[in-house]
Amino acid sequence: MLTCAEFLAEFGDYVENAASPDVRAKLEEHLHECKSCQVIVDSTRKTIRIVTDSASFTLAADKVEPIVRDVMARIRTKKR
């Protein structure tokens, strides 16, 4: 089974549905056993839903991608 650090290294691709089927299966196996990572996924999905459903929060498309890349790079760097 993956460690939490290994899970978090792939977390961005998992949330964005970009992980390969093999990696996704390993991530879901980890989630089945790990309550901490379940909370991270649930909180992230809820946050994304709140932000995207909110009419008061908008960013131009060209501003969003660099922010997402930066956040995911920081997550991957800190968890390795």
Protein backbone atom coordinates (compact mmCIF):
# COMPACT_ATOMS: atom_id res chain seq x y z
CA MET A 1 0.00 0.00 0.00
CA LEU A 2 1.14 3.55 -0.68
CA THR A 3 2.31 5.82 2.10
CA CYS A 4 0.56 9.13 2.69
CA ALA A 5 3.54 10.95 1.16
CA GLU A 6 3.27 8.81 -1.98
CA PHE A 7 -0.46 9.44 -2.08
CA LEU A 8 0.01 13.19 -1.77
CA ALA A 9 2.63 13.19 -4.52
CA GLU A 10 -0.10 11.94 -6.89
CA PHE A 11 -2.97 13.79 -5.24
CA GLY A 12 -3.29 16.54 -7.86
CA ASP A 13 -3.62 14.10 -10.73
CA TYR A 14 -6.12 12.07 -8.70
CA VAL A 15 -8.36 15.06 -7.96
CA GLU A 16 -8.11 16.22 -11.58
CA ASN A 17 -8.94 12.69 -12.84
CA ALA A 18 -5.62 12.66 -14.71
CA ALA A 19 -4.02 9.68 -12.95
CA SER A 20 -3.50 6.52 -14.98
CA PRO A 21 -5.88 3.66 -14.16
CA ASP A 22 -3.08 1.74 -12.41
CA VAL A 23 -2.07 4.73 -10.27
CA ARG A 24 -5.70 5.58 -9.57
CA ALA A 25 -6.33 2.04 -8.31
CA LYS A 26 -3.36 2.31 -5.93
CA LEU A 27 -4.53 5.71 -4.70
CA GLU A 28 -8.05 4.43 -4.09
CA GLU A 29 -6.66 1.42 -2.24
CA HIS A 30 -4.78 3.83 0.02
CA LEU A 31 -7.90 5.94 0.51
CA HIS A 32 -9.88 2.88 1.51
CA GLU A 33 -7.51 2.41 4.47
CA CYS A 34 -6.38 5.94 5.37
CA LYS A 35 -8.81 8.26 7.16
CA SER A 36 -6.38 11.21 7.04
CA CYS A 37 -6.12 11.14 3.27
CA GLN A 38 -9.88 10.63 3.00
CA VAL A 39 -10.31 13.90 4.90
CA ILE A 40 -7.84 15.67 2.60
CA VAL A 41 -9.67 14.48 -0.53
CA ASP A 42 -13.09 15.30 0.89
CA SER A 43 -12.02 18.76 2.07
CA THR A 44 -10.35 19.54 -1.24
CA ARG A 45 -13.39 18.48 -3.24
CA LYS A 46 -15.70 20.53 -1.02
CA THR A 47 -13.42 23.56 -1.32
CA ILE A 48 -13.31 23.23 -5.10
CA ARG A 49 -17.11 22.93 -5.20
CA ILE A 50 -17.58 26.01 -2.98
CA VAL A 51 -15.15 28.10 -5.01
CA THR A 52 -16.50 27.04 -8.38
CA ASP A 53 -20.14 27.43 -7.31
CA SER A 54 -19.55 30.88 -5.86
CA ALA A 55 -20.46 33.73 -8.16
CA SER A 56 -18.33 36.08 -6.06
CA PHE A 57 -15.07 34.31 -6.82
CA THR A 58 -13.81 34.42 -10.37
CA LEU A 59 -10.38 34.36 -11.94
CA ALA A 60 -9.47 34.63 -15.55
CA ALA A 61 -8.59 31.24 -17.04
CA ASP A 62 -5.01 32.34 -17.73
CA LYS A 63 -4.57 33.09 -14.00
CA VAL A 64 -5.93 29.79 -12.66
CA GLU A 65 -3.52 27.32 -14.25
CA PRO A 66 -0.31 28.92 -12.93
CA ILE A 67 -1.78 28.95 -9.42
CA VAL A 68 -2.78 25.30 -9.63
CA ARG A 69 0.66 24.33 -10.98
CA ASP A 70 2.40 26.25 -8.18
CA VAL A 71 0.27 24.73 -5.42
CA MET A 72 0.67 21.20 -6.75
CA ALA A 73 4.43 21.65 -7.15
CA ARG A 74 4.67 22.78 -3.54
CA ILE A 75 2.63 19.81 -2.34
CA ARG A 76 4.77 17.37 -4.31
CA THR A 77 8.02 18.96 -3.10
CA LYS A 78 7.06 18.95 0.58
CA LYS A 79 5.81 15.38 0.63
CA ARG A 80 8.85 13.70 -0.94
